[in-house]
Amino acid sequence: MALYEQVELLCQAIHAQAREEAEALLARARKEATNLVAAAGVRHAQVLERTKGEVQAQALLEARSRLDRAELKSKRTVAQTKDGLLDEIFSLGRERLQAFRQTPEYRDWLRRTLLATLAQLEGESFQVAAHPEESEYLTTEFLAQVSHESVRQLTLAPDPDLPPGGFMLVRADGKVRYDQTFQGILERQRETLRADLARQLWEE
């Protein structure tokens, strides 16, 4: 066999071996690519499922948060409505108390309240502090009568800072003060009255 023929055969053999190796490499690469794609698909499905769960959990959390906010807003609105209504009732009560001052019964209420308050306090001499408008009712003759009945010395002390209606009883040494103004009485009873009104209005 001629030398060039031997070289040709050798070249053919090398080419054939190279093709086989290339095809094997290509097949292996295809297989690895298929495996990678499959693995990626699995990971994608896992990520998708995990993401779906996270989205659902986040949506549930957001829904609960919105529900809580709505419930809180509802409670706040109801509370504000109740407070507004109760404030209106208290305002109406104050108006009626002021109207009570214009009735003949008001002077008798002042006398009875003064005597009852003095009976609770120690001391011989007191100032009856009141808004200047009260001087119409807490006259010198009126205070003299109550002083005689209570065996205490009473003097009128007009005070424009006090609200109209009722009085503030102050012992002569200034150490004892008892607020019997309409406003003071209402404030002392405010929470009790608020609870009573709430029970009547909303059966709480």
Protein backbone atom coordinates (compact mmCIF):
# COMPACT_ATOMS: atom_id res chain seq x y z
CA MET A 1 0.00 0.00 0.00
CA ALA A 2 1.36 3.34 -0.97
CA LEU A 3 2.40 5.75 1.74
CA TYR A 4 -0.20 8.37 0.83
CA GLU A 5 -2.91 5.70 1.07
CA GLN A 6 -1.74 4.81 4.60
CA VAL A 7 -1.81 8.50 5.55
CA GLU A 8 -5.35 8.82 4.10
CA LEU A 9 -6.57 5.85 6.13
CA LEU A 10 -4.96 7.24 9.23
CA CYS A 11 -6.64 10.59 8.67
CA GLN A 12 -10.00 8.87 8.15
CA ALA A 13 -9.55 6.92 11.37
CA ILE A 14 -8.67 10.08 13.28
CA HIS A 15 -11.69 11.88 11.82
CA ALA A 16 -13.96 8.95 12.66
CA GLN A 17 -12.70 8.83 16.23
CA ALA A 18 -13.09 12.59 16.54
CA ARG A 19 -16.68 12.37 15.28
CA GLU A 20 -17.46 9.61 17.75
CA GLU A 21 -15.98 11.59 20.61
CA ALA A 22 -17.79 14.73 19.47
CA GLU A 23 -21.08 12.87 19.20
CA ALA A 24 -20.53 11.35 22.65
CA LEU A 25 -19.74 14.76 24.07
CA LEU A 26 -22.82 16.23 22.36
CA ALA A 27 -25.04 13.43 23.67
CA ARG A 28 -23.68 13.89 27.17
CA ALA A 29 -24.17 17.62 26.89
CA ARG A 30 -27.74 17.14 25.71
CA LYS A 31 -28.41 14.75 28.58
CA GLU A 32 -26.93 17.17 31.10
CA ALA A 33 -28.93 20.00 29.56
CA THR A 34 -32.10 17.91 29.81
CA ASN A 35 -31.29 17.11 33.44
CA LEU A 36 -30.60 20.76 34.15
CA VAL A 37 -33.86 21.80 32.52
CA ALA A 38 -35.75 19.17 34.52
CA ALA A 39 -34.04 20.25 37.74
CA ALA A 40 -34.78 23.86 36.92
CA GLY A 41 -38.39 22.93 36.31
CA VAL A 42 -38.57 21.24 39.70
CA ARG A 43 -36.93 24.21 41.40
CA HIS A 44 -39.25 26.56 39.53
CA ALA A 45 -42.27 24.58 40.69
CA GLN A 46 -40.92 24.60 44.24
CA VAL A 47 -40.24 28.31 44.09
CA LEU A 48 -43.65 28.89 42.55
CA GLU A 49 -45.36 26.85 45.25
CA ARG A 50 -43.35 28.56 47.97
CA THR A 51 -44.07 31.95 46.45
CA LYS A 52 -47.74 31.06 46.15
CA GLY A 53 -47.78 30.11 49.84
CA GLU A 54 -46.00 33.31 50.77
CA VAL A 55 -48.42 35.37 48.69
CA GLN A 56 -51.38 33.61 50.28
CA ALA A 57 -49.93 34.11 53.75
CA GLN A 58 -49.23 37.78 52.99
CA ALA A 59 -52.73 38.21 51.59
CA LEU A 60 -54.22 36.58 54.70
CA LEU A 61 -52.07 38.78 56.93
CA GLU A 62 -53.12 41.88 55.00
CA ALA A 63 -56.78 40.82 55.16
CA ARG A 64 -56.54 40.32 58.91
CA SER A 65 -54.76 43.64 59.28
CA ARG A 66 -57.48 45.40 57.27
CA LEU A 67 -60.16 43.64 59.30
CA ASP A 68 -58.49 44.69 62.55
CA ARG A 69 -58.18 48.27 61.33
CA ALA A 70 -61.81 48.29 60.22
CA GLU A 71 -62.93 46.87 63.57
CA LEU A 72 -60.82 49.40 65.46
CA LYS A 73 -62.19 52.23 63.31
CA SER A 74 -65.72 50.94 63.89
CA LYS A 75 -65.20 50.82 67.65
CA ARG A 76 -63.67 54.29 67.60
CA THR A 77 -66.60 55.63 65.57
CA VAL A 78 -69.12 54.03 67.94
CA ALA A 79 -67.23 55.40 70.95
CA GLN A 80 -67.09 58.88 69.40
CA THR A 81 -70.79 58.70 68.61
CA LYS A 82 -71.59 57.65 72.16
CA ASP A 83 -69.38 60.35 73.64
CA GLY A 84 -70.93 62.94 71.34
CA LEU A 85 -74.43 61.91 72.34
CA LEU A 86 -73.56 61.80 76.03
CA ASP A 87 -71.95 65.24 75.77
CA GLU A 88 -75.17 66.53 74.21
CA ILE A 89 -77.15 65.02 77.08
CA PHE A 90 -74.80 66.63 79.63
CA SER A 91 -75.09 69.93 77.79
CA LEU A 92 -78.87 69.65 77.91
CA GLY A 93 -78.63 68.81 81.61
CA ARG A 94 -76.55 71.93 82.25
CA GLU A 95 -79.11 74.02 80.37
CA ARG A 96 -81.93 72.59 82.47
CA LEU A 97 -79.98 73.25 85.67
CA GLN A 98 -79.49 76.85 84.61
CA ALA A 99 -83.22 77.08 83.89
CA PHE A 100 -83.84 75.64 87.39
CA ARG A 101 -82.16 78.76 88.82
CA GLN A 102 -85.11 80.79 87.55
CA THR A 103 -87.66 78.77 89.54
CA PRO A 104 -88.88 79.37 93.13
CA GLU A 105 -87.53 75.93 94.09
CA TYR A 106 -83.92 77.02 93.46
CA ARG A 107 -83.72 79.16 96.60
CA ASP A 108 -85.00 76.26 98.70
CA TRP A 109 -82.42 73.97 97.06
CA LEU A 110 -79.67 76.43 98.02
CA ARG A 111 -80.86 76.48 101.64
CA ARG A 112 -81.09 72.69 101.93
CA THR A 113 -77.75 72.12 100.20
CA LEU A 114 -76.00 74.72 102.35
CA LEU A 115 -77.35 73.17 105.56
CA ALA A 116 -76.47 69.62 104.44
CA THR A 117 -72.94 70.66 103.44
CA LEU A 118 -72.33 72.58 106.68
CA ALA A 119 -73.45 69.53 108.66
CA GLN A 120 -70.58 67.55 107.08
CA LEU A 121 -67.86 70.11 107.82
CA GLU A 122 -66.12 71.26 110.98
CA GLY A 123 -65.71 74.96 111.62
CA GLU A 124 -67.63 77.98 112.84
CA SER A 125 -67.13 80.49 110.06
CA PHE A 126 -67.46 79.98 106.30
CA GLN A 127 -67.49 81.97 103.11
CA VAL A 128 -70.12 81.17 100.53
CA ALA A 129 -68.19 81.77 97.29
CA ALA A 130 -70.41 82.05 94.22
CA HIS A 131 -70.71 83.71 90.85
CA PRO A 132 -71.86 87.35 91.21
CA GLU A 133 -75.19 86.42 89.63
CA GLU A 134 -75.92 84.28 92.70
CA SER A 135 -76.11 87.36 94.92
CA GLU A 136 -79.70 87.63 93.71
CA TYR A 137 -80.45 84.48 95.69
CA LEU A 138 -77.73 84.47 98.37
CA THR A 139 -78.93 87.68 99.94
CA THR A 140 -77.91 88.96 103.38
CA GLU A 141 -81.29 87.90 104.77
CA PHE A 142 -81.01 84.46 103.20
CA LEU A 143 -77.51 83.85 104.62
CA ALA A 144 -78.60 85.14 108.03
CA GLN A 145 -81.44 82.62 108.08
CA VAL A 146 -79.11 79.72 107.14
CA SER A 147 -76.53 80.94 109.69
CA HIS A 148 -79.20 80.86 112.39
CA GLU A 149 -80.37 77.36 111.41
CA SER A 150 -76.84 75.93 111.18
CA VAL A 151 -75.35 77.92 114.06
CA ARG A 152 -72.49 78.96 111.75
CA GLN A 153 -71.26 82.31 110.54
CA LEU A 154 -71.74 82.73 106.78
CA THR A 155 -70.60 85.56 104.51
CA LEU A 156 -70.99 85.94 100.77
CA ALA A 157 -67.80 86.03 98.64
CA PRO A 158 -68.62 86.83 94.99
CA ASP A 159 -66.20 85.11 92.61
CA PRO A 160 -66.55 85.70 88.85
CA ASP A 161 -64.32 82.70 88.14
CA LEU A 162 -66.96 80.33 89.47
CA PRO A 163 -69.73 79.20 87.12
CA PRO A 164 -73.31 80.37 87.71
CA GLY A 165 -75.45 77.93 89.68
CA GLY A 166 -74.73 76.66 93.17
CA PHE A 167 -71.86 77.75 95.41
CA MET A 168 -68.41 76.90 96.80
CA LEU A 169 -68.31 76.63 100.60
CA VAL A 170 -64.91 77.73 101.98
CA ARG A 171 -63.92 77.54 105.65
CA ALA A 172 -62.51 80.76 107.06
CA ASP A 173 -58.95 79.37 107.25
CA GLY A 174 -59.14 78.36 103.57
CA LYS A 175 -58.14 74.76 104.30
CA VAL A 176 -61.54 73.29 103.53
CA ARG A 177 -63.39 73.85 100.26
CA TYR A 178 -66.51 72.06 99.12
CA ASP A 179 -67.69 72.57 95.56
CA GLN A 180 -71.47 72.61 95.30
CA THR A 181 -71.68 74.49 92.01
CA PHE A 182 -73.79 72.82 89.34
CA GLN A 183 -70.62 72.23 87.33
CA GLY A 184 -68.79 70.72 90.31
CA ILE A 185 -71.72 68.44 91.15
CA LEU A 186 -71.96 67.27 87.53
CA GLU A 187 -68.22 66.59 87.33
CA ARG A 188 -68.28 64.53 90.53
CA GLN A 189 -71.14 62.47 89.17
CA ARG A 190 -69.95 62.47 85.55
CA GLU A 191 -68.65 58.88 85.36
CA THR A 192 -71.60 57.47 87.31
CA LEU A 193 -74.05 59.40 85.16
CA ARG A 194 -72.15 58.37 82.00
CA ALA A 195 -72.39 54.68 82.99
CA ASP A 196 -76.10 55.01 83.83
CA LEU A 197 -76.85 56.78 80.56
CA ALA A 198 -74.84 54.22 78.60
CA ARG A 199 -76.82 51.37 80.18
CA GLN A 200 -80.11 53.09 79.39
CA LEU A 201 -79.15 53.98 75.82
CA TRP A 202 -77.18 50.88 74.78
CA GLU A 203 -78.03 48.35 77.52
CA GLU A 204 -74.34 48.03 78.46
